[in-house]
Amino acid sequence: VQLTESGGGLVQPGGSLRLSCAASGFTFRRYAMSWYRQAPGNERELVAGISSAGGSTNYADSVKGRFTISRDNAKNTVYLQMNSLKPEDTAVYYCKLDQMNLWGQGTQVTVSS
């Protein structure tokens, strides 16, 4: 059972990134998934979640209207589209399989000019 994030990097304020989380070793379509982030000195916080079929999503207030979580169950992948990025979005972003408390290794997102 494994989660592997990708797509992080350095972007200027106002820019966009799309994170991907590839899942393996379990029946992906049966499980809700989430994205979390952790900035230096801060606790890990929930960014967004999506139900198993993708019909229900939820977001942290700080990212509503800017971030979009989605999934492709045929590709066993969950995505996080991040637009209008701000310096305060800088963090390591993790995907999580909620029901098994399984985390990926994380991908760094840095928003800076």
PDB file of N, CA and C in Angstrom:
ATOM      1  N   VAL A   1       0.869  -1.182   0.000  1.00  0.00           N
ATOM      2  CA  VAL A   1       0.000   0.000   0.000  1.00  0.00           C
ATOM      3  C   VAL A   1       0.903   1.228   0.000  1.00  0.00           C
ATOM      4  N   GLN A   2       0.704   2.112  -0.978  1.00  0.00           N
ATOM      5  CA  GLN A   2       1.629   3.232  -1.133  1.00  0.00           C
ATOM      6  C   GLN A   2       0.930   4.423  -1.764  1.00  0.00           C
ATOM      7  N   LEU A   3       1.338   5.613  -1.302  1.00  0.00           N
ATOM      8  CA  LEU A   3       0.908   6.872  -1.888  1.00  0.00           C
ATOM      9  C   LEU A   3       2.144   7.648  -2.284  1.00  0.00           C
ATOM     10  N   THR A   4       2.167   8.173  -3.505  1.00  0.00           N
ATOM     11  CA  THR A   4       3.337   8.893  -3.996  1.00  0.00           C
ATOM     12  C   THR A   4       2.905  10.224  -4.591  1.00  0.00           C
ATOM     13  N   GLU A   5       3.299  11.307  -3.917  1.00  0.00           N
ATOM     14  CA  GLU A   5       2.964  12.651  -4.390  1.00  0.00           C
ATOM     15  C   GLU A   5       3.999  13.148  -5.387  1.00  0.00           C
ATOM     16  N   SER A   6       3.559  14.042  -6.262  1.00  0.00           N
ATOM     17  CA  SER A   6       4.441  14.718  -7.205  1.00  0.00           C
ATOM     18  C   SER A   6       3.812  16.044  -7.606  1.00  0.00           C
ATOM     19  N   GLY A   7       4.613  16.881  -8.258  1.00  0.00           N
ATOM     20  CA  GLY A   7       4.091  18.118  -8.797  1.00  0.00           C
ATOM     21  C   GLY A   7       4.440  19.367  -8.019  1.00  0.00           C
ATOM     22  N   GLY A   8       5.116  19.218  -6.896  1.00  0.00           N
ATOM     23  CA  GLY A   8       5.513  20.398  -6.138  1.00  0.00           C
ATOM     24  C   GLY A   8       6.626  21.166  -6.825  1.00  0.00           C
ATOM     25  N   GLY A   9       6.941  22.334  -6.260  1.00  0.00           N
ATOM     26  CA  GLY A   9       8.007  23.133  -6.826  1.00  0.00           C
ATOM     27  C   GLY A   9       7.963  24.562  -6.341  1.00  0.00           C
ATOM     28  N   LEU A  10       8.731  25.401  -7.003  1.00  0.00           N
ATOM     29  CA  LEU A  10       8.783  26.826  -6.690  1.00  0.00           C
ATOM     30  C   LEU A  10       7.921  27.584  -7.688  1.00  0.00           C
ATOM     31  N   VAL A  11       7.048  28.432  -7.174  1.00  0.00           N
ATOM     32  CA  VAL A  11       6.166  29.208  -8.039  1.00  0.00           C
ATOM     33  C   VAL A  11       6.033  30.616  -7.470  1.00  0.00           C
ATOM     34  N   GLN A  12       5.821  31.576  -8.340  1.00  0.00           N
ATOM     35  CA  GLN A  12       5.649  32.959  -7.899  1.00  0.00           C
ATOM     36  C   GLN A  12       4.244  33.175  -7.341  1.00  0.00           C
ATOM     37  N   PRO A  13       4.087  34.148  -6.472  1.00  0.00           N
ATOM     38  CA  PRO A  13       2.742  34.475  -5.992  1.00  0.00           C
ATOM     39  C   PRO A  13       1.791  34.737  -7.163  1.00  0.00           C
ATOM     40  N   GLY A  14       0.589  34.206  -7.039  1.00  0.00           N
ATOM     41  CA  GLY A  14      -0.389  34.317  -8.113  1.00  0.00           C
ATOM     42  C   GLY A  14      -0.333  33.176  -9.112  1.00  0.00           C
ATOM     43  N   GLY A  15       0.682  32.354  -9.011  1.00  0.00           N
ATOM     44  CA  GLY A  15       0.846  31.247  -9.944  1.00  0.00           C
ATOM     45  C   GLY A  15       0.022  30.032  -9.575  1.00  0.00           C
ATOM     46  N   SER A  16       0.218  28.966 -10.351  1.00  0.00           N
ATOM     47  CA  SER A  16      -0.552  27.737 -10.174  1.00  0.00           C
ATOM     48  C   SER A  16       0.365  26.522 -10.176  1.00  0.00           C
ATOM     49  N   LEU A  17      -0.084  25.500  -9.484  1.00  0.00           N
ATOM     50  CA  LEU A  17       0.555  24.191  -9.513  1.00  0.00           C
ATOM     51  C   LEU A  17      -0.532  23.132  -9.430  1.00  0.00           C
ATOM     52  N   ARG A  18      -0.260  21.967  -9.982  1.00  0.00           N
ATOM     53  CA  ARG A  18      -1.151  20.828  -9.796  1.00  0.00           C
ATOM     54  C   ARG A  18      -0.358  19.682  -9.173  1.00  0.00           C
ATOM     55  N   LEU A  19      -0.790  19.286  -8.004  1.00  0.00           N
ATOM     56  CA  LEU A  19      -0.188  18.147  -7.323  1.00  0.00           C
ATOM     57  C   LEU A  19      -0.932  16.870  -7.693  1.00  0.00           C
ATOM     58  N   SER A  20      -0.180  15.786  -7.758  1.00  0.00           N
ATOM     59  CA  SER A  20      -0.761  14.472  -8.016  1.00  0.00           C
ATOM     60  C   SER A  20      -0.357  13.519  -6.902  1.00  0.00           C
ATOM     61  N   CYS A  21      -1.221  12.563  -6.629  1.00  0.00           N
ATOM     62  CA  CYS A  21      -0.920  11.527  -5.646  1.00  0.00           C
ATOM     63  C   CYS A  21      -1.336  10.198  -6.267  1.00  0.00           C
ATOM     64  N   ALA A  22      -0.356   9.380  -6.599  1.00  0.00           N
ATOM     65  CA  ALA A  22      -0.620   8.083  -7.209  1.00  0.00           C
ATOM     66  C   ALA A  22      -0.706   7.022  -6.120  1.00  0.00           C
ATOM     67  N   ALA A  23      -1.772   6.239  -6.173  1.00  0.00           N
ATOM     68  CA  ALA A  23      -2.013   5.215  -5.157  1.00  0.00           C
ATOM     69  C   ALA A  23      -1.793   3.826  -5.726  1.00  0.00           C
ATOM     70  N   SER A  24      -1.323   2.920  -4.881  1.00  0.00           N
ATOM     71  CA  SER A  24      -1.144   1.537  -5.293  1.00  0.00           C
ATOM     72  C   SER A  24      -1.303   0.612  -4.097  1.00  0.00           C
ATOM     73  N   GLY A  25      -1.690  -0.618  -4.379  1.00  0.00           N
ATOM     74  CA  GLY A  25      -1.769  -1.621  -3.331  1.00  0.00           C
ATOM     75  C   GLY A  25      -3.105  -1.745  -2.634  1.00  0.00           C
ATOM     76  N   PHE A  26      -4.086  -0.976  -3.060  1.00  0.00           N
ATOM     77  CA  PHE A  26      -5.422  -1.076  -2.488  1.00  0.00           C
ATOM     78  C   PHE A  26      -6.441  -0.639  -3.540  1.00  0.00           C
ATOM     79  N   THR A  27      -7.716  -0.912  -3.248  1.00  0.00           N
ATOM     80  CA  THR A  27      -8.780  -0.580  -4.195  1.00  0.00           C
ATOM     81  C   THR A  27      -9.137   0.886  -4.030  1.00  0.00           C
ATOM     82  N   PHE A  28      -8.457   1.703  -4.790  1.00  0.00           N
ATOM     83  CA  PHE A  28      -8.495   3.162  -4.641  1.00  0.00           C
ATOM     84  C   PHE A  28      -9.919   3.713  -4.672  1.00  0.00           C
ATOM     85  N   ARG A  29     -10.741   3.203  -5.565  1.00  0.00           N
ATOM     86  CA  ARG A  29     -12.063   3.797  -5.789  1.00  0.00           C
ATOM     87  C   ARG A  29     -12.990   3.639  -4.588  1.00  0.00           C
ATOM     88  N   ARG A  30     -12.615   2.833  -3.621  1.00  0.00           N
ATOM     89  CA  ARG A  30     -13.472   2.581  -2.462  1.00  0.00           C
ATOM     90  C   ARG A  30     -13.251   3.569  -1.321  1.00  0.00           C
ATOM     91  N   TYR A  31     -12.212   4.410  -1.425  1.00  0.00           N
ATOM     92  CA  TYR A  31     -11.797   5.180  -0.261  1.00  0.00           C
ATOM     93  C   TYR A  31     -11.783   6.685  -0.502  1.00  0.00           C
ATOM     94  N   ALA A  32     -12.227   7.434   0.516  1.00  0.00           N
ATOM     95  CA  ALA A  32     -12.039   8.867   0.511  1.00  0.00           C
ATOM     96  C   ALA A  32     -10.561   9.203   0.646  1.00  0.00           C
ATOM     97  N   MET A  33     -10.184  10.331   0.094  1.00  0.00           N
ATOM     98  CA  MET A  33      -8.790  10.777   0.130  1.00  0.00           C
ATOM     99  C   MET A  33      -8.732  12.239   0.557  1.00  0.00           C
ATOM    100  N   SER A  34      -7.585  12.627   1.076  1.00  0.00           N
ATOM    101  CA  SER A  34      -7.423  14.008   1.528  1.00  0.00           C
ATOM    102  C   SER A  34      -6.035  14.526   1.180  1.00  0.00           C
ATOM    103  N   TRP A  35      -5.934  15.836   1.116  1.00  0.00           N
ATOM    104  CA  TRP A  35      -4.648  16.531   1.043  1.00  0.00           C
ATOM    105  C   TRP A  35      -4.470  17.330   2.342  1.00  0.00           C
ATOM    106  N   TYR A  36      -3.272  17.254   2.888  1.00  0.00           N
ATOM    107  CA  TYR A  36      -2.881  18.020   4.060  1.00  0.00           C
ATOM    108  C   TYR A  36      -1.621  18.814   3.700  1.00  0.00           C
ATOM    109  N   ARG A  37      -1.296  19.752   4.548  1.00  0.00           N
ATOM    110  CA  ARG A  37      -0.028  20.464   4.393  1.00  0.00           C
ATOM    111  C   ARG A  37       0.547  20.801   5.754  1.00  0.00           C
ATOM    112  N   GLN A  38       1.862  20.970   5.758  1.00  0.00           N
ATOM    113  CA  GLN A  38       2.557  21.338   6.992  1.00  0.00           C
ATOM    114  C   GLN A  38       3.665  22.325   6.660  1.00  0.00           C
ATOM    115  N   ALA A  39       3.525  23.515   7.230  1.00  0.00           N
ATOM    116  CA  ALA A  39       4.542  24.545   7.100  1.00  0.00           C
ATOM    117  C   ALA A  39       5.503  24.443   8.275  1.00  0.00           C
ATOM    118  N   PRO A  40       6.730  24.937   8.117  1.00  0.00           N
ATOM    119  CA  PRO A  40       7.706  24.866   9.219  1.00  0.00           C
ATOM    120  C   PRO A  40       7.167  25.509  10.486  1.00  0.00           C
ATOM    121  N   GLY A  41       7.260  24.781  11.593  1.00  0.00           N
ATOM    122  CA  GLY A  41       6.807  25.296  12.866  1.00  0.00           C
ATOM    123  C   GLY A  41       5.322  25.183  13.108  1.00  0.00           C
ATOM    124  N   ASN A  42       4.596  24.679  12.114  1.00  0.00           N
ATOM    125  CA  ASN A  42       3.136  24.559  12.240  1.00  0.00           C
ATOM    126  C   ASN A  42       2.715  23.096  12.290  1.00  0.00           C
ATOM    127  N   GLU A  43       1.525  22.873  12.801  1.00  0.00           N
ATOM    128  CA  GLU A  43       0.966  21.528  12.764  1.00  0.00           C
ATOM    129  C   GLU A  43       0.455  21.216  11.353  1.00  0.00           C
ATOM    130  N   ARG A  44       0.368  19.935  11.061  1.00  0.00           N
ATOM    131  CA  ARG A  44      -0.201  19.516   9.785  1.00  0.00           C
ATOM    132  C   ARG A  44      -1.687  19.851   9.772  1.00  0.00           C
ATOM    133  N   GLU A  45      -2.153  20.410   8.661  1.00  0.00           N
ATOM    134  CA  GLU A  45      -3.550  20.829   8.583  1.00  0.00           C
ATOM    135  C   GLU A  45      -4.220  20.281   7.337  1.00  0.00           C
ATOM    136  N   LEU A  46      -5.515  20.032   7.467  1.00  0.00           N
ATOM    137  CA  LEU A  46      -6.303  19.551   6.337  1.00  0.00           C
ATOM    138  C   LEU A  46      -6.481  20.677   5.324  1.00  0.00           C
ATOM    139  N   VAL A  47      -6.227  20.366   4.068  1.00  0.00           N
ATOM    140  CA  VAL A  47      -6.429  21.322   2.983  1.00  0.00           C
ATOM    141  C   VAL A  47      -7.734  21.029   2.247  1.00  0.00           C
ATOM    142  N   ALA A  48      -7.920  19.756   1.867  1.00  0.00           N
ATOM    143  CA  ALA A  48      -9.109  19.387   1.098  1.00  0.00           C
ATOM    144  C   ALA A  48      -9.339  17.883   1.204  1.00  0.00           C
ATOM    145  N   GLY A  49     -10.586  17.480   1.041  1.00  0.00           N
ATOM    146  CA  GLY A  49     -10.932  16.070   1.041  1.00  0.00           C
ATOM    147  C   GLY A  49     -11.912  15.768  -0.065  1.00  0.00           C
ATOM    148  N   ILE A  50     -11.944  14.499  -0.479  1.00  0.00           N
ATOM    149  CA  ILE A  50     -12.846  14.088  -1.551  1.00  0.00           C
ATOM    150  C   ILE A  50     -13.363  12.690  -1.245  1.00  0.00           C
ATOM    151  N   SER A  51     -14.635  12.476  -1.532  1.00  0.00           N
ATOM    152  CA  SER A  51     -15.243  11.179  -1.278  1.00  0.00           C
ATOM    153  C   SER A  51     -14.753  10.140  -2.276  1.00  0.00           C
ATOM    154  N   SER A  52     -15.125   8.897  -2.039  1.00  0.00           N
ATOM    155  CA  SER A  52     -14.592   7.799  -2.855  1.00  0.00           C
ATOM    156  C   SER A  52     -14.958   7.934  -4.335  1.00  0.00           C
ATOM    157  N   ALA A  53     -16.173   8.377  -4.620  1.00  0.00           N
ATOM    158  CA  ALA A  53     -16.599   8.526  -6.011  1.00  0.00           C
ATOM    159  C   ALA A  53     -16.346   9.920  -6.560  1.00  0.00           C
ATOM    160  N   GLY A  54     -15.911  10.811  -5.685  1.00  0.00           N
ATOM    161  CA  GLY A  54     -15.600  12.166  -6.120  1.00  0.00           C
ATOM    162  C   GLY A  54     -16.758  13.141  -6.084  1.00  0.00           C
ATOM    163  N   GLY A  55     -17.908  12.682  -5.622  1.00  0.00           N
ATOM    164  CA  GLY A  55     -19.076  13.548  -5.655  1.00  0.00           C
ATOM    165  C   GLY A  55     -19.160  14.559  -4.528  1.00  0.00           C
ATOM    166  N   SER A  56     -18.344  14.381  -3.513  1.00  0.00           N
ATOM    167  CA  SER A  56     -18.368  15.285  -2.368  1.00  0.00           C
ATOM    168  C   SER A  56     -16.962  15.748  -2.047  1.00  0.00           C
ATOM    169  N   THR A  57     -16.806  17.049  -1.863  1.00  0.00           N
ATOM    170  CA  THR A  57     -15.505  17.614  -1.529  1.00  0.00           C
ATOM    171  C   THR A  57     -15.656  18.598  -0.372  1.00  0.00           C
ATOM    172  N   ASN A  58     -14.562  18.846   0.308  1.00  0.00           N
ATOM    173  CA  ASN A  58     -14.540  19.855   1.357  1.00  0.00           C
ATOM    174  C   ASN A  58     -13.172  20.523   1.350  1.00  0.00           C
ATOM    175  N   TYR A  59     -13.152  21.772   1.825  1.00  0.00           N
ATOM    176  CA  TYR A  59     -11.936  22.573   1.770  1.00  0.00           C
ATOM    177  C   TYR A  59     -11.739  23.361   3.055  1.00  0.00           C
ATOM    178  N   ALA A  60     -10.490  23.607   3.369  1.00  0.00           N
ATOM    179  CA  ALA A  60     -10.172  24.565   4.425  1.00  0.00           C
ATOM    180  C   ALA A  60     -10.587  25.949   3.954  1.00  0.00           C
ATOM    181  N   ASP A  61     -11.032  26.777   4.885  1.00  0.00           N
ATOM    182  CA  ASP A  61     -11.466  28.129   4.521  1.00  0.00           C
ATOM    183  C   ASP A  61     -10.353  28.897   3.803  1.00  0.00           C
ATOM    184  N   SER A  62      -9.116  28.630   4.180  1.00  0.00           N
ATOM    185  CA  SER A  62      -7.998  29.395   3.634  1.00  0.00           C
ATOM    186  C   SER A  62      -7.737  29.116   2.155  1.00  0.00           C
ATOM    187  N   VAL A  63      -8.296  28.021   1.622  1.00  0.00           N
ATOM    188  CA  VAL A  63      -8.033  27.679   0.219  1.00  0.00           C
ATOM    189  C   VAL A  63      -9.302  27.656  -0.632  1.00  0.00           C
ATOM    190  N   LYS A  64     -10.450  27.860  -0.028  1.00  0.00           N
ATOM    191  CA  LYS A  64     -11.707  27.840  -0.788  1.00  0.00           C
ATOM    192  C   LYS A  64     -11.673  28.857  -1.907  1.00  0.00           C
ATOM    193  N   GLY A  65     -12.097  28.408  -3.079  1.00  0.00           N
ATOM    194  CA  GLY A  65     -12.127  29.283  -4.239  1.00  0.00           C
ATOM    195  C   GLY A  65     -10.811  29.351  -4.996  1.00  0.00           C
ATOM    196  N   ARG A  66      -9.748  28.798  -4.409  1.00  0.00           N
ATOM    197  CA  ARG A  66      -8.440  28.811  -5.069  1.00  0.00           C
ATOM    198  C   ARG A  66      -7.950  27.407  -5.400  1.00  0.00           C
ATOM    199  N   PHE A  67      -8.251  26.446  -4.545  1.00  0.00           N
ATOM    200  CA  PHE A  67      -7.797  25.067  -4.732  1.00  0.00           C
ATOM    201  C   PHE A  67      -8.973  24.181  -5.122  1.00  0.00           C
ATOM    202  N   THR A  68      -8.681  23.162  -5.923  1.00  0.00           N
ATOM    203  CA  THR A  68      -9.686  22.183  -6.317  1.00  0.00           C
ATOM    204  C   THR A  68      -9.119  20.775  -6.194  1.00  0.00           C
ATOM    205  N   ILE A  69      -9.808  19.946  -5.425  1.00  0.00           N
ATOM    206  CA  ILE A  69      -9.414  18.542  -5.311  1.00  0.00           C
ATOM    207  C   ILE A  69     -10.246  17.722  -6.287  1.00  0.00           C
ATOM    208  N   SER A  70      -9.631  16.751  -6.911  1.00  0.00           N
ATOM    209  CA  SER A  70     -10.336  15.869  -7.838  1.00  0.00           C
ATOM    210  C   SER A  70      -9.644  14.514  -7.837  1.00  0.00           C
ATOM    211  N   ARG A  71     -10.272  13.553  -8.479  1.00  0.00           N
ATOM    212  CA  ARG A  71      -9.673  12.223  -8.549  1.00  0.00           C
ATOM    213  C   ARG A  71     -10.043  11.549  -9.855  1.00  0.00           C
ATOM    214  N   ASP A  72      -9.190  10.636 -10.262  1.00  0.00           N
ATOM    215  CA  ASP A  72      -9.446   9.807 -11.426  1.00  0.00           C
ATOM    216  C   ASP A  72      -9.303   8.361 -10.955  1.00  0.00           C
ATOM    217  N   ASN A  73     -10.411   7.711 -10.704  1.00  0.00           N
ATOM    218  CA  ASN A  73     -10.363   6.357 -10.153  1.00  0.00           C
ATOM    219  C   ASN A  73      -9.823   5.342 -11.150  1.00  0.00           C
ATOM    220  N   ALA A  74      -9.889   5.658 -12.440  1.00  0.00           N
ATOM    221  CA  ALA A  74      -9.310   4.765 -13.441  1.00  0.00           C
ATOM    222  C   ALA A  74      -7.784   4.803 -13.403  1.00  0.00           C
ATOM    223  N   LYS A  75      -7.246   5.928 -12.925  1.00  0.00           N
ATOM    224  CA  LYS A  75      -5.786   6.085 -12.851  1.00  0.00           C
ATOM    225  C   LYS A  75      -5.264   5.971 -11.425  1.00  0.00           C
ATOM    226  N   ASN A  76      -6.165   5.689 -10.479  1.00  0.00           N
ATOM    227  CA  ASN A  76      -5.752   5.580  -9.070  1.00  0.00           C
ATOM    228  C   ASN A  76      -4.984   6.811  -8.604  1.00  0.00           C
ATOM    229  N   THR A  77      -5.488   7.976  -8.951  1.00  0.00           N
ATOM    230  CA  THR A  77      -4.779   9.219  -8.663  1.00  0.00           C
ATOM    231  C   THR A  77      -5.737  10.280  -8.139  1.00  0.00           C
ATOM    232  N   VAL A  78      -5.277  11.008  -7.144  1.00  0.00           N
ATOM    233  CA  VAL A  78      -5.997  12.168  -6.643  1.00  0.00           C
ATOM    234  C   VAL A  78      -5.142  13.404  -6.923  1.00  0.00           C
ATOM    235  N   TYR A  79      -5.801  14.498  -7.240  1.00  0.00           N
ATOM    236  CA  TYR A  79      -5.123  15.725  -7.648  1.00  0.00           C
ATOM    237  C   TYR A  79      -5.493  16.884  -6.718  1.00  0.00           C
ATOM    238  N   LEU A  80      -4.610  17.871  -6.705  1.00  0.00           N
ATOM    239  CA  LEU A  80      -4.913  19.132  -6.042  1.00  0.00           C
ATOM    240  C   LEU A  80      -4.460  20.245  -6.976  1.00  0.00           C
ATOM    241  N   GLN A  81      -5.422  20.899  -7.600  1.00  0.00           N
ATOM    242  CA  GLN A  81      -5.134  22.049  -8.446  1.00  0.00           C
ATOM    243  C   GLN A  81      -5.096  23.286  -7.565  1.00  0.00           C
ATOM    244  N   MET A  82      -3.983  23.985  -7.580  1.00  0.00           N
ATOM    245  CA  MET A  82      -3.790  25.148  -6.721  1.00  0.00           C
ATOM    246  C   MET A  82      -3.579  26.376  -7.592  1.00  0.00           C
ATOM    247  N   ASN A  83      -4.498  27.326  -7.496  1.00  0.00           N
ATOM    248  CA  ASN A  83      -4.428  28.566  -8.253  1.00  0.00           C
ATOM    249  C   ASN A  83      -4.277  29.748  -7.303  1.00  0.00           C
ATOM    250  N   SER A  84      -3.885  30.872  -7.850  1.00  0.00           N
ATOM    251  CA  SER A  84      -3.742  32.108  -7.061  1.00  0.00           C
ATOM    252  C   SER A  84      -2.929  31.857  -5.797  1.00  0.00           C
ATOM    253  N   LEU A  85      -1.804  31.199  -5.967  1.00  0.00           N
ATOM    254  CA  LEU A  85      -1.000  30.809  -4.814  1.00  0.00           C
ATOM    255  C   LEU A  85      -0.434  32.019  -4.089  1.00  0.00           C
ATOM    256  N   LYS A  86      -0.344  31.875  -2.762  1.00  0.00           N
ATOM    257  CA  LYS A  86       0.150  32.923  -1.887  1.00  0.00           C
ATOM    258  C   LYS A  86       1.381  32.410  -1.128  1.00  0.00           C
ATOM    259  N   PRO A  87       2.224  33.311  -0.663  1.00  0.00           N
ATOM    260  CA  PRO A  87       3.384  32.861   0.125  1.00  0.00           C
ATOM    261  C   PRO A  87       2.988  31.984   1.317  1.00  0.00           C
ATOM    262  N   GLU A  88       1.840  32.257   1.901  1.00  0.00           N
ATOM    263  CA  GLU A  88       1.408  31.461   3.048  1.00  0.00           C
ATOM    264  C   GLU A  88       0.954  30.055   2.678  1.00  0.00           C
ATOM    265  N   ASP A  89       0.903  29.756   1.391  1.00  0.00           N
ATOM    266  CA  ASP A  89       0.617  28.376   0.967  1.00  0.00           C
ATOM    267  C   ASP A  89       1.881  27.509   0.965  1.00  0.00           C
ATOM    268  N   THR A  90       3.020  28.140   1.215  1.00  0.00           N
ATOM    269  CA  THR A  90       4.276  27.390   1.254  1.00  0.00           C
ATOM    270  C   THR A  90       4.238  26.332   2.358  1.00  0.00           C
ATOM    271  N   ALA A  91       4.496  25.091   1.974  1.00  0.00           N
ATOM    272  CA  ALA A  91       4.413  23.971   2.915  1.00  0.00           C
ATOM    273  C   ALA A  91       4.806  22.684   2.192  1.00  0.00           C
ATOM    274  N   VAL A  92       4.962  21.632   2.959  1.00  0.00           N
ATOM    275  CA  VAL A  92       5.025  20.289   2.391  1.00  0.00           C
ATOM    276  C   VAL A  92       3.593  19.769   2.323  1.00  0.00           C
ATOM    277  N   TYR A  93       3.205  19.312   1.162  1.00  0.00           N
ATOM    278  CA  TYR A  93       1.847  18.825   0.936  1.00  0.00           C
ATOM    279  C   TYR A  93       1.852  17.290   0.899  1.00  0.00           C
ATOM    280  N   TYR A  94       0.901  16.724   1.635  1.00  0.00           N
ATOM    281  CA  TYR A  94       0.795  15.272   1.758  1.00  0.00           C
ATOM    282  C   TYR A  94      -0.585  14.815   1.326  1.00  0.00           C
ATOM    283  N   CYS A  95      -0.657  13.692   0.680  1.00  0.00           N
ATOM    284  CA  CYS A  95      -1.963  13.062   0.496  1.00  0.00           C
ATOM    285  C   CYS A  95      -2.120  11.967   1.554  1.00  0.00           C
ATOM    286  N   LYS A  96      -3.366  11.686   1.869  1.00  0.00           N
ATOM    287  CA  LYS A  96      -3.667  10.750   2.937  1.00  0.00           C
ATOM    288  C   LYS A  96      -4.831   9.863   2.564  1.00  0.00           C
ATOM    289  N   LEU A  97      -4.679   8.586   2.829  1.00  0.00           N
ATOM    290  CA  LEU A  97      -5.779   7.632   2.755  1.00  0.00           C
ATOM    291  C   LEU A  97      -6.392   7.593   4.147  1.00  0.00           C
ATOM    292  N   ASP A  98      -7.507   8.264   4.279  1.00  0.00           N
ATOM    293  CA  ASP A  98      -8.051   8.511   5.603  1.00  0.00           C
ATOM    294  C   ASP A  98      -8.342   7.235   6.391  1.00  0.00           C
ATOM    295  N   GLN A  99      -8.981   6.293   5.749  1.00  0.00           N
ATOM    296  CA  GLN A  99      -9.472   5.135   6.499  1.00  0.00           C
ATOM    297  C   GLN A  99      -8.350   4.259   7.031  1.00  0.00           C
ATOM    298  N   MET A 100      -7.207   4.293   6.365  1.00  0.00           N
ATOM    299  CA  MET A 100      -6.065   3.482   6.813  1.00  0.00           C
ATOM    300  C   MET A 100      -4.995   4.328   7.484  1.00  0.00           C
ATOM    301  N   ASN A 101      -5.254   5.631   7.635  1.00  0.00           N
ATOM    302  CA  ASN A 101      -4.260   6.534   8.206  1.00  0.00           C
ATOM    303  C   ASN A 101      -2.907   6.375   7.517  1.00  0.00           C
ATOM    304  N   LEU A 102      -2.950   6.330   6.184  1.00  0.00           N
ATOM    305  CA  LEU A 102      -1.739   6.153   5.385  1.00  0.00           C
ATOM    306  C   LEU A 102      -1.372   7.474   4.733  1.00  0.00           C
ATOM    307  N   TRP A 103      -0.095   7.851   4.852  1.00  0.00           N
ATOM    308  CA  TRP A 103       0.395   9.110   4.303  1.00  0.00           C
ATOM    309  C   TRP A 103       1.401   8.867   3.193  1.00  0.00           C
ATOM    310  N   GLY A 104       1.459   9.798   2.244  1.00  0.00           N
ATOM    311  CA  GLY A 104       2.539   9.811   1.289  1.00  0.00           C
ATOM    312  C   GLY A 104       3.767  10.462   1.897  1.00  0.00           C
ATOM    313  N   GLN A 105       4.826  10.579   1.088  1.00  0.00           N
ATOM    314  CA  GLN A 105       6.084  11.128   1.592  1.00  0.00           C
ATOM    315  C   GLN A 105       6.105  12.650   1.568  1.00  0.00           C
ATOM    316  N   GLY A 106       5.169  13.241   0.835  1.00  0.00           N
ATOM    317  CA  GLY A 106       5.067  14.693   0.773  1.00  0.00           C
ATOM    318  C   GLY A 106       5.794  15.284  -0.422  1.00  0.00           C
ATOM    319  N   THR A 107       5.338  16.451  -0.827  1.00  0.00           N
ATOM    320  CA  THR A 107       5.981  17.206  -1.907  1.00  0.00           C
ATOM    321  C   THR A 107       6.016  18.676  -1.489  1.00  0.00           C
ATOM    322  N   GLN A 108       7.167  19.300  -1.690  1.00  0.00           N
ATOM    323  CA  GLN A 108       7.369  20.680  -1.230  1.00  0.00           C
ATOM    324  C   GLN A 108       6.762  21.662  -2.230  1.00  0.00           C
ATOM    325  N   VAL A 109       5.998  22.600  -1.716  1.00  0.00           N
ATOM    326  CA  VAL A 109       5.486  23.724  -2.496  1.00  0.00           C
ATOM    327  C   VAL A 109       6.024  24.996  -1.870  1.00  0.00           C
ATOM    328  N   THR A 110       6.703  25.792  -2.673  1.00  0.00           N
ATOM    329  CA  THR A 110       7.246  27.066  -2.209  1.00  0.00           C
ATOM    330  C   THR A 110       6.721  28.174  -3.095  1.00  0.00           C
ATOM    331  N   VAL A 111       6.073  29.150  -2.467  1.00  0.00           N
ATOM    332  CA  VAL A 111       5.516  30.287  -3.190  1.00  0.00           C
ATOM    333  C   VAL A 111       6.332  31.512  -2.804  1.00  0.00           C
ATOM    334  N   SER A 112       7.097  32.016  -3.754  1.00  0.00           N
ATOM    335  CA  SER A 112       8.004  33.123  -3.458  1.00  0.00           C
ATOM    336  C   SER A 112       8.385  33.823  -4.749  1.00  0.00           C
ATOM    337  N   SER A 113       8.606  35.127  -4.618  1.00  0.00           N
ATOM    338  CA  SER A 113       9.085  35.891  -5.760  1.00  0.00           C
ATOM    339  C   SER A 113      10.605  35.981  -5.759  1.00  0.00           C
TER     340      SER A 113
END
